Protein backbone atom coordinates (compact mmCIF):
# COMPACT_ATOMS: atom_id res chain seq x y z
CA UNK A 1 -0.34 24.92 -13.20
CA UNK A 2 -3.89 24.74 -11.73
CA UNK A 3 -4.91 23.13 -8.58
CA UNK A 4 -8.16 21.79 -7.55
CA UNK A 5 -9.17 20.95 -3.86
CA UNK A 6 -11.74 18.36 -3.50
CA UNK A 7 -14.47 20.51 -1.86
CA UNK A 8 -16.84 17.70 -1.72
CA UNK A 9 -14.64 15.73 0.60
CA UNK A 10 -13.99 18.93 2.59
CA UNK A 11 -17.76 19.54 2.98
CA UNK A 12 -18.06 15.86 4.32
CA UNK A 13 -15.30 16.41 6.73
CA UNK A 14 -16.81 19.71 7.88
CA UNK A 15 -20.19 17.95 8.42
CA UNK A 16 -18.70 15.08 10.53
CA UNK A 17 -16.54 17.43 12.67
CA UNK A 18 -19.68 19.95 13.68
CA UNK A 19 -21.96 16.84 13.88
CA UNK A 20 -19.55 15.11 16.25
CA UNK A 21 -19.19 18.43 18.36
CA UNK A 22 -22.87 18.51 18.77
CA UNK A 23 -23.00 14.88 19.87
CA UNK A 24 -20.09 15.31 22.26
CA UNK A 25 -22.19 18.21 23.88
CA UNK A 26 -25.14 15.89 23.93
CA UNK A 27 -23.10 13.12 25.53
CA UNK A 28 -21.49 15.19 28.26
CA UNK A 29 -24.33 17.51 28.71
CA UNK A 30 -25.80 17.86 32.23
CA UNK A 31 -28.69 20.20 33.49
CA UNK A 32 -26.39 22.67 34.83
CA UNK A 33 -24.44 23.18 31.73
CA UNK A 34 -25.87 26.32 29.96
CA UNK A 35 -23.68 26.66 26.63
CA UNK A 36 -21.97 24.57 24.32
CA UNK A 37 -19.22 27.05 24.34
CA UNK A 38 -18.55 26.30 28.09
CA UNK A 39 -14.65 25.91 27.94
CA UNK A 40 -14.43 24.13 31.32
CA UNK A 41 -16.66 21.33 29.90
CA UNK A 42 -15.86 18.51 27.01
CA UNK A 43 -17.89 20.41 24.23
CA UNK A 44 -16.12 23.72 24.81
CA UNK A 45 -12.79 21.98 24.99
CA UNK A 46 -13.62 20.21 21.68
CA UNK A 47 -14.41 23.46 19.97
CA UNK A 48 -10.96 24.59 20.77
CA UNK A 49 -9.57 21.22 19.30
CA UNK A 50 -11.83 21.79 16.26
CA UNK A 51 -10.59 25.26 15.78
CA UNK A 52 -6.99 23.93 16.01
CA UNK A 53 -7.61 21.18 13.73
CA UNK A 54 -8.87 23.77 11.06
CA UNK A 55 -5.65 25.59 11.51
CA UNK A 56 -3.74 22.59 10.87
CA UNK A 57 -5.68 21.75 7.83
CA UNK A 58 -4.89 25.18 6.49
CA UNK A 59 -1.13 24.83 7.17
CA UNK A 60 -0.91 21.44 5.45
CA UNK A 61 -2.84 22.94 2.44
CA UNK A 62 -0.14 25.66 2.08
CA UNK A 63 2.61 23.03 2.06
CA UNK A 64 4.24 22.08 -1.38
CA UNK A 65 2.94 18.66 -2.01
CA UNK A 66 6.19 17.35 -2.93
CA UNK A 67 7.46 17.79 0.52
CA UNK A 68 5.18 14.88 1.91
CA UNK A 69 7.06 12.57 -0.61
CA UNK A 70 10.65 14.04 0.16
CA UNK A 71 10.32 13.86 3.93
CA UNK A 72 8.28 10.69 4.41
CA UNK A 73 11.19 8.67 5.86
CA UNK A 74 12.09 11.64 8.14
CA UNK A 75 8.71 11.97 9.47
CA UNK A 76 8.48 8.12 9.97
CA UNK A 77 11.63 7.92 11.87
CA UNK A 78 10.77 10.96 13.96
CA UNK A 79 7.57 9.32 15.13
CA UNK A 80 9.39 6.19 15.77
CA UNK A 81 11.59 8.03 18.14
CA UNK A 82 8.86 9.71 19.76
CA UNK A 83 7.02 6.42 20.30
CA UNK A 84 10.28 5.07 21.96
CA UNK A 85 10.48 8.05 24.30
CA UNK A 86 6.74 7.81 25.14
CA UNK A 87 7.34 4.45 26.49
CA UNK A 88 9.76 5.54 29.19
CA UNK A 89 8.25 9.01 30.02
CA UNK A 90 4.59 8.68 29.72
CA UNK A 91 2.28 8.52 32.73
CA UNK A 92 0.28 5.28 33.36
CA UNK A 93 -3.43 6.22 32.20
CA UNK A 94 -5.85 3.28 32.78
CA UNK A 95 -2.92 0.92 32.33
CA UNK A 96 -1.59 2.38 29.23
CA UNK A 97 1.63 4.37 28.89
CA UNK A 98 0.79 6.13 25.48
CA UNK A 99 0.18 9.71 26.53
CA UNK A 100 2.57 12.73 26.67
CA UNK A 101 1.62 15.57 28.77
CA UNK A 102 2.58 19.22 27.85
CA UNK A 103 1.12 21.26 30.75
CA UNK A 104 -2.71 20.92 30.29
CA UNK A 105 -2.54 19.27 26.95
CA UNK A 106 -2.06 15.51 26.44
CA UNK A 107 -1.18 14.19 23.46
CA UNK A 108 -0.99 10.38 21.95
CA UNK A 109 1.90 9.91 19.51
CA UNK A 110 0.35 6.49 18.39
CA UNK A 111 -2.34 8.64 16.38
CA UNK A 112 0.34 10.24 14.43
CA UNK A 113 2.07 6.99 13.81
CA UNK A 114 -0.73 5.91 11.44
CA UNK A 115 0.03 8.85 9.10
CA UNK A 116 3.87 8.41 9.24
CA UNK A 117 3.51 4.74 8.52
CA UNK A 118 1.32 5.49 5.36
CA UNK A 119 3.67 7.93 4.09
CA UNK A 120 6.48 5.76 4.54
CA UNK A 121 4.72 2.77 2.79
CA UNK A 122 3.71 4.99 -0.09
CA UNK A 123 7.13 6.30 -0.46
CA UNK A 124 8.75 2.87 -0.48
CA UNK A 125 6.00 1.17 -2.73
CA UNK A 126 6.30 4.07 -5.30
CA UNK A 127 10.11 3.94 -5.47
CA UNK A 128 12.38 1.90 -7.65
CA UNK A 129 9.86 0.37 -9.75
CA UNK A 130 8.63 -1.64 -6.74
CA UNK A 131 6.06 -4.35 -7.58
CA UNK A 132 4.21 -6.40 -4.83
CA UNK A 133 4.24 -9.73 -6.53
CA UNK A 134 5.81 -12.36 -4.04
CA UNK A 135 5.93 -12.95 -0.44
CA UNK A 136 9.46 -11.61 -0.43
CA UNK A 137 8.18 -8.12 -1.50
CA UNK A 138 5.99 -8.10 1.61
CA UNK A 139 9.16 -8.23 4.12
CA UNK A 140 10.28 -4.67 3.81
CA UNK A 141 6.54 -3.49 4.09
CA UNK A 142 5.98 -5.68 7.07
CA UNK A 143 9.02 -4.14 8.90
CA UNK A 144 7.77 -0.73 8.34
CA UNK A 145 4.41 -1.77 9.72
CA UNK A 146 5.71 -3.81 12.54
CA UNK A 147 7.97 -1.37 14.00
CA UNK A 148 5.45 1.16 15.20
CA UNK A 149 2.85 -1.73 15.87
CA UNK A 150 5.46 -3.12 18.24
CA UNK A 151 6.16 0.11 20.02
CA UNK A 152 2.47 0.69 20.63
CA UNK A 153 1.97 -2.72 21.92
CA UNK A 154 4.89 -1.94 24.47
CA UNK A 155 2.89 1.09 25.65
CA UNK A 156 -0.10 -1.37 26.26
CA UNK A 157 -2.14 0.50 23.66
CA UNK A 158 -3.59 -2.65 21.89
CA UNK A 159 -6.49 -0.91 20.19
CA UNK A 160 -4.36 1.58 18.52
CA UNK A 161 -1.86 -1.17 17.50
CA UNK A 162 -4.44 -3.26 15.78
CA UNK A 163 -5.32 -0.37 13.50
CA UNK A 164 -2.01 -1.15 11.68
CA UNK A 165 -3.48 -4.38 10.38
CA UNK A 166 -5.78 -2.17 8.21
CA UNK A 167 -2.71 -1.75 5.86
CA UNK A 168 -3.27 -5.12 4.61
CA UNK A 169 -6.33 -3.99 2.80
CA UNK A 170 -3.84 -1.56 0.79
CA UNK A 171 -1.30 -4.31 0.30
CA UNK A 172 -4.09 -6.21 -1.38
CA UNK A 173 -5.18 -3.37 -3.61
CA UNK A 174 -1.58 -2.98 -4.56
CA UNK A 175 -1.13 -6.76 -5.83
CA UNK A 176 -0.70 -8.74 -2.61
CA UNK A 177 -1.95 -12.34 -3.07
CA UNK A 178 -5.45 -12.84 -1.62
CA UNK A 179 -4.29 -15.94 0.26
CA UNK A 180 -2.81 -13.53 2.91
CA UNK A 181 -6.18 -12.17 3.65
CA UNK A 182 -7.82 -15.75 3.73
CA UNK A 183 -4.91 -16.81 6.00
CA UNK A 184 -5.85 -13.80 8.36
CA UNK A 185 -9.51 -14.66 8.19
CA UNK A 186 -8.76 -18.44 8.97
CA UNK A 187 -6.54 -17.35 11.97
CA UNK A 188 -9.35 -15.31 13.41
CA UNK A 189 -11.83 -18.29 12.94
CA UNK A 190 -9.48 -20.86 14.47
CA UNK A 191 -8.72 -18.54 17.49
CA UNK A 192 -12.63 -17.74 17.88
CA UNK A 193 -13.23 -21.63 17.83
CA UNK A 194 -10.31 -22.80 19.75
CA UNK A 195 -10.92 -20.26 22.38
CA UNK A 196 -14.64 -20.02 22.28
CA UNK A 197 -15.16 -23.71 22.93
CA UNK A 198 -12.25 -24.26 24.97
CA UNK A 199 -14.38 -24.72 28.19
CA UNK A 200 -16.68 -27.22 26.57
CA UNK A 201 -15.38 -30.75 27.70
CA UNK A 202 -16.06 -33.87 25.47
CA UNK A 203 -17.00 -37.11 27.36
CA UNK A 204 -15.79 -36.72 31.02
CA UNK A 205 -12.71 -34.62 30.21
CA UNK A 206 -11.34 -36.62 27.27
CA UNK A 207 -10.71 -33.40 25.27
CA UNK A 208 -12.16 -30.06 24.25
CA UNK A 209 -14.60 -29.14 21.75
CA UNK A 210 -12.64 -26.21 20.80
CA UNK A 211 -9.62 -28.34 19.75
CA UNK A 212 -11.88 -30.89 17.78
CA UNK A 213 -13.70 -28.18 16.00
CA UNK A 214 -10.44 -26.27 14.93
CA UNK A 215 -8.76 -29.56 13.68
CA UNK A 216 -12.01 -30.23 11.70
CA UNK A 217 -11.94 -27.09 10.02
CA UNK A 218 -8.45 -27.69 8.93
CA UNK A 219 -9.05 -30.96 7.49
CA UNK A 220 -12.23 -29.67 5.85
CA UNK A 221 -10.26 -26.93 4.16
CA UNK A 222 -7.74 -29.57 3.04
CA UNK A 223 -10.53 -31.72 1.44
CA UNK A 224 -12.19 -28.75 -0.28
CA UNK A 225 -8.87 -27.60 -1.76
CA UNK A 226 -8.00 -30.86 -3.23
CA UNK A 227 -11.54 -32.07 -4.30
CA UNK A 228 -12.86 -28.56 -5.67
CA UNK A 229 -9.95 -26.45 -6.67
CA UNK A 230 -7.20 -28.90 -7.37
CA UNK A 231 -9.56 -31.57 -8.79
CA UNK A 232 -7.61 -34.27 -7.33
CA UNK A 233 -10.65 -36.19 -6.12
CA UNK A 234 -9.06 -39.49 -5.53
CA UNK A 235 -6.60 -38.07 -3.01
CA UNK A 236 -9.42 -35.97 -1.41
CA UNK A 237 -11.58 -38.93 -0.99
CA UNK A 238 -8.63 -40.95 0.55
CA UNK A 239 -8.19 -38.22 2.95
CA UNK A 240 -11.89 -38.35 3.88
CA UNK A 241 -11.72 -42.02 4.28
CA UNK A 242 -8.69 -41.89 6.53
CA UNK A 243 -10.26 -39.22 8.68
CA UNK A 244 -13.48 -41.32 9.15
CA UNK A 245 -11.47 -44.28 9.95
CA UNK A 246 -9.29 -42.68 12.68
CA UNK A 247 -12.60 -41.21 14.31
CA UNK A 248 -14.20 -44.58 14.21
CA UNK A 249 -11.25 -46.48 15.49
CA UNK A 250 -10.72 -43.80 18.35
CA UNK A 251 -14.48 -44.19 19.28
CA UNK A 252 -14.18 -48.01 19.58
CA UNK A 253 -10.88 -47.86 21.52
CA UNK A 254 -12.38 -45.38 23.85
CA UNK A 255 -14.59 -48.38 25.39
CA UNK A 256 -11.38 -49.93 26.57
CA UNK A 257 -8.98 -47.20 27.07
CA UNK A 258 -9.06 -43.57 28.15
CA UNK A 259 -8.25 -41.60 24.92
CA UNK A 260 -7.62 -37.92 24.76
CA UNK A 261 -9.54 -36.65 21.75
CA UNK A 262 -7.27 -33.47 21.60
CA UNK A 263 -4.34 -35.74 20.79
CA UNK A 264 -6.27 -37.69 18.26
CA UNK A 265 -7.45 -34.54 16.42
CA UNK A 266 -3.89 -33.06 16.36
CA UNK A 267 -2.38 -36.46 15.37
CA UNK A 268 -4.95 -36.57 12.35
CA UNK A 269 -3.88 -33.15 11.15
CA UNK A 270 -0.18 -34.02 11.37
CA UNK A 271 -0.92 -37.25 9.41
CA UNK A 272 -2.67 -35.45 6.81
CA UNK A 273 0.23 -33.14 6.33
CA UNK A 274 2.44 -35.95 5.76
CA UNK A 275 0.17 -37.45 3.31
CA UNK A 276 0.13 -34.24 1.22
CA UNK A 277 3.86 -34.18 1.45
CA UNK A 278 4.22 -37.64 0.16
CA UNK A 279 1.89 -36.84 -2.70
CA UNK A 280 3.89 -33.89 -3.52
CA UNK A 281 6.99 -35.91 -3.72
CA UNK A 282 5.76 -38.76 -5.98
CA UNK A 283 3.46 -36.94 -8.10
CA UNK A 284 4.75 -33.26 -8.12
CA UNK A 285 1.54 -31.53 -7.91
CA UNK A 286 3.60 -28.41 -6.85
CA UNK A 287 0.61 -27.12 -4.66
CA UNK A 288 0.42 -29.55 -1.82
CA UNK A 289 3.62 -28.15 -0.09
CA UNK A 290 1.79 -24.87 0.60
CA UNK A 291 -1.42 -26.85 1.75
CA UNK A 292 0.73 -28.78 4.31
CA UNK A 293 2.49 -25.80 5.41
CA UNK A 294 -0.64 -23.89 6.01
CA UNK A 295 -2.28 -26.82 7.66
CA UNK A 296 0.84 -27.38 10.02
CA UNK A 297 0.97 -23.54 10.79
CA UNK A 298 -2.60 -23.48 11.63
CA UNK A 299 -2.00 -26.30 13.89
CA UNK A 300 0.73 -24.67 15.76
CA UNK A 301 -1.57 -21.54 15.85
CA UNK A 302 -4.31 -23.31 17.63
CA UNK A 303 -2.06 -25.14 19.97
CA UNK A 304 -0.90 -21.89 21.04
CA UNK A 305 -4.04 -20.06 21.25
CA UNK A 306 -4.51 -20.94 24.88
CA UNK A 307 -1.13 -19.32 25.54
CA UNK A 308 -1.81 -16.35 23.71
CA UNK A 309 -5.04 -15.90 25.32
CA UNK A 310 -4.04 -16.62 29.00
CA UNK A 311 -0.27 -15.29 28.84
CA UNK A 312 -0.30 -12.65 26.36
CA UNK A 313 -3.46 -10.80 26.56
CA UNK A 314 -4.19 -8.60 29.54
CA UNK A 315 -6.80 -9.84 32.02
CA UNK A 316 -9.37 -7.03 31.00
CA UNK A 317 -8.82 -8.15 27.40
CA UNK A 318 -9.50 -11.70 28.12
CA UNK A 319 -12.79 -10.64 29.80
CA UNK A 320 -13.77 -8.59 26.73
CA UNK A 321 -13.24 -11.46 24.33
CA UNK A 322 -15.08 -13.75 26.74
CA UNK A 323 -17.98 -11.57 26.86
CA UNK A 324 -17.97 -10.97 22.94
CA UNK A 325 -17.84 -14.92 22.70
CA UNK A 326 -20.83 -15.47 25.20
CA UNK A 327 -18.19 -17.39 27.50
CA UNK A 328 -19.13 -14.68 30.28
CA UNK A 329 -21.94 -12.25 30.53
CA UNK A 330 -20.29 -10.15 33.11
CA UNK A 331 -23.16 -7.56 32.84
CA UNK A 332 -21.69 -5.50 35.82
CA UNK A 333 -17.99 -5.70 34.64
CA UNK A 334 -16.37 -6.02 31.25
CA UNK A 335 -19.72 -6.27 29.59
CA UNK A 336 -21.31 -3.34 31.27
CA UNK A 337 -20.31 -0.79 28.48
CA UNK A 338 -21.70 -2.71 25.57
CA UNK A 339 -24.79 -3.74 27.50
CA UNK A 340 -25.63 -0.17 28.26
CA UNK A 341 -24.63 1.02 24.81
CA UNK A 342 -27.07 -1.55 23.21
CA UNK A 343 -29.67 -0.27 25.69
CA UNK A 344 -28.97 3.25 24.65
CA UNK A 345 -29.34 2.61 20.92
CA UNK A 346 -32.48 0.32 21.27
CA UNK A 347 -34.27 2.95 23.38
CA UNK A 348 -33.70 5.49 20.58
CA UNK A 349 -36.06 3.52 18.38
CA UNK A 350 -36.45 4.69 14.74
CA UNK A 351 -36.52 8.53 15.06
CA UNK A 352 -34.63 8.84 18.44
CA UNK A 353 -35.66 10.60 21.51
CA UNK A 354 -34.55 14.02 20.17
CA UNK A 355 -31.26 16.12 20.56
CA UNK A 356 -30.27 16.35 24.39
CA UNK A 357 -33.21 14.25 25.42
CA UNK A 358 -31.45 10.87 25.69
CA UNK A 359 -32.03 9.39 29.19
CA UNK A 360 -29.26 6.87 29.16
CA UNK A 361 -26.66 9.57 28.21
CA UNK A 362 -27.86 12.27 30.58
CA UNK A 363 -27.94 9.70 33.58
CA UNK A 364 -24.27 8.72 32.45
CA UNK A 365 -25.20 5.03 32.28
CA UNK A 366 -22.71 4.43 29.45
CA UNK A 367 -19.06 5.07 30.35
CA UNK A 368 -16.95 6.80 27.62
CA UNK A 369 -20.08 7.92 26.04
CA UNK A 370 -18.46 11.05 24.61
CA UNK A 371 -15.24 9.19 23.18
CA UNK A 372 -15.08 5.55 22.29
CA UNK A 373 -18.95 5.13 22.70
CA UNK A 374 -20.11 8.25 20.93
CA UNK A 375 -22.14 6.24 18.56
CA UNK A 376 -24.77 5.08 21.11
CA UNK A 377 -25.33 8.62 21.79
CA UNK A 378 -26.21 9.23 18.05
CA UNK A 379 -28.38 6.07 18.15
CA UNK A 380 -30.28 7.32 21.41
CA UNK A 381 -30.91 10.83 20.14
CA UNK A 382 -31.19 10.50 16.57
CA UNK A 383 -32.50 7.10 16.33
CA UNK A 384 -32.15 4.40 13.62
CA UNK A 385 -32.65 7.20 10.86
CA UNK A 386 -30.01 9.35 12.24
CA UNK A 387 -27.50 6.51 12.82
CA UNK A 388 -28.14 5.12 9.28
CA UNK A 389 -27.45 8.64 7.81
CA UNK A 390 -24.24 9.00 9.67
CA UNK A 391 -23.15 5.69 8.31
CA UNK A 392 -24.04 6.76 4.87
CA UNK A 393 -22.02 9.79 5.27
CA UNK A 394 -19.04 7.70 6.21
CA UNK A 395 -19.64 5.51 3.29
CA UNK A 396 -19.63 8.57 1.15
CA UNK A 397 -16.41 9.62 2.33
CA UNK A 398 -15.08 6.28 1.92
CA UNK A 399 -16.08 6.23 -1.65
CA UNK A 400 -14.73 9.66 -2.24
CA UNK A 401 -11.23 8.61 -0.92
CA UNK A 402 -11.32 5.82 -3.25
CA UNK A 403 -12.28 7.79 -6.12
CA UNK A 404 -9.43 10.19 -5.32
CA UNK A 405 -6.97 7.23 -5.35
CA UNK A 406 -8.25 5.92 -8.68
CA UNK A 407 -7.72 9.23 -10.46
CA UNK A 408 -4.15 9.53 -9.51
CA UNK A 409 -1.22 9.23 -12.00
CA UNK A 410 1.32 9.36 -9.34
CA UNK A 411 1.55 5.94 -7.42
CA UNK A 412 2.78 7.70 -4.26
CA UNK A 413 -0.54 9.56 -3.89
CA UNK A 414 -2.71 6.60 -5.06
CA UNK A 415 -1.03 4.42 -2.28
CA UNK A 416 -1.39 6.72 0.39
CA UNK A 417 -5.03 7.47 -0.64
CA UNK A 418 -5.74 3.56 -0.05
CA UNK A 419 -3.82 3.73 3.20
CA UNK A 420 -6.18 6.59 4.39
CA UNK A 421 -9.29 4.73 3.23
CA UNK A 422 -8.07 1.53 4.84
CA UNK A 423 -7.51 3.34 8.27
CA UNK A 424 -10.84 5.05 8.21
CA UNK A 425 -12.60 1.78 7.48
CA UNK A 426 -10.90 0.03 9.97
CA UNK A 427 -11.83 2.71 12.67
CA UNK A 428 -15.35 2.77 11.42
CA UNK A 429 -15.97 -0.91 11.46
CA UNK A 430 -14.38 -1.95 14.65
CA UNK A 431 -15.88 1.38 16.68
CA UNK A 432 -19.49 0.86 15.42
CA UNK A 433 -18.96 -3.00 15.75
CA UNK A 434 -17.82 -2.67 19.48
CA UNK A 435 -20.78 -0.34 20.37
CA UNK A 436 -23.26 -2.95 18.82
CA UNK A 437 -21.61 -5.62 20.64
CA UNK A 438 -20.40 -7.64 17.70
CA UNK A 439 -16.64 -6.57 17.89
CA UNK A 440 -14.33 -6.78 20.94
CA UNK A 441 -14.06 -3.48 22.86
CA UNK A 442 -10.58 -2.50 21.93
CA UNK A 443 -10.93 1.48 22.48
CA UNK A 444 -10.44 3.18 19.31
CA UNK A 445 -12.21 6.43 18.41
CA UNK A 446 -14.95 7.07 15.79
CA UNK A 447 -13.33 9.39 13.30
CA UNK A 448 -14.24 13.14 13.62
CA UNK A 449 -17.01 12.20 16.07
CA UNK A 450 -15.24 11.02 19.13
CA UNK A 451 -14.04 13.64 21.71
CA UNK A 452 -10.33 14.08 21.95
CA UNK A 453 -7.80 16.36 20.23
CA UNK A 454 -5.33 13.61 19.40
CA UNK A 455 -7.70 11.73 17.26
CA UNK A 456 -9.12 14.66 15.71
CA UNK A 457 -5.61 16.06 14.81
CA UNK A 458 -4.44 12.82 13.45
CA UNK A 459 -7.42 12.19 11.25
CA UNK A 460 -7.56 15.75 10.13
CA UNK A 461 -3.71 15.63 9.18
CA UNK A 462 -4.22 11.89 7.44
CA UNK A 463 -7.11 13.42 5.39
CA UNK A 464 -5.87 16.77 4.57
CA UNK A 465 -2.24 15.55 3.38
CA UNK A 466 -4.21 13.37 0.94
CA UNK A 467 -6.54 16.40 -0.14
CA UNK A 468 -3.20 18.43 -0.74
CA UNK A 469 -1.64 15.76 -2.78
CA UNK A 470 -4.85 15.35 -4.91
CA UNK A 471 -4.96 19.19 -5.23
CA UNK A 472 -1.61 19.03 -7.06
CA UNK A 473 -3.08 17.19 -10.16
CA UNK A 474 -2.46 19.01 -13.25
CA UNK A 475 -5.98 19.77 -14.77
CA UNK A 476 -6.31 18.99 -18.58
CA UNK A 477 -3.15 17.02 -19.03
């Protein structure tokens, strides 16, 4: 049997790792630091992490590829136990209890949990002729993802936990109905609208614009579904006339009575749900039950958005969301990092200021500029051209991983490959987005570029397990 390692992907990995090392040096560099190999500084320490990551990659390539399938559940259970232990023994680091300390070395088990979960999902979905056809088929997959997600939340490491949402992309590729992705998008839109306009009062404290807009979105979805997709135009127009009538009556009655528009909006959505259920019962369209259920679920979600925002999220997370939604500028507080990051990137211009010449970087204006905000260093010193080139390299890596996935005959490797692509895509999108100020700051590293041994090890393990599985393909058969 012949084996073929994907050297193109290895080359992309090496480029990103060494380019990341150079930028860690640039981000942490000061004028008294003489060498990139100064092991008392971040760049020197990162070089050690790089060497150990190369060692890990080499060891992984020596393993029999079948072991990753055979011991997938064992690895998953071991990581789950480690996550549980971490909750109780980890030290408090910036409000999070997610780091285990072994002498001078700190490690974050949550990083390895992504690889363990990917392997467990690939094992389950490739066994017993499993097919992802109905929502019931999602239940065991949801449990596999939810357990590490919940444990990482308990460690107060929300950013790392949210990465597990990336597996939805793999589920979609493997047959999950696209309605689940649309529901996720709807939830985000409703949350943003309900919270973003929650402080905008309608007509002397008679309701909030956020609730009115959220309910309007739900009603608009109902109308479009019935009118355009289900082609039940009579029912859709009846809904429209009913909503317009309720709105007009509320406006008129408000002249004599003080009416809370929030209750009117909520009541209108409840009435619309009852309307669709009645149509379903008498005409048996068999599609309006789902519409009513989604509408009612969206209503409950909007009604609980305020509770989620104020009672579930931590204060610093609330402020970050407020800054993102322009509810609070806070340029000296939670918005400081993003503001300084955008200044640094903008000051780089088209070609950048040159390596080690970034003033924002050298004067330490951007906190975490060698970890979560490493991309602002790239933007300042390498400019638009350098930043675009780095993003193109990441795109190349993602396309190579997808290509690896599509050429697999073994479903285990294909599913795992799409897990890897989804995780990399999520990290890249969120990290670059938060540096540019278009995503909330949730504190996740940029793969292979950000400083840190835990992230470098975890991304290396994640990628090289895939390369080892791919290398086991028989050539010419």
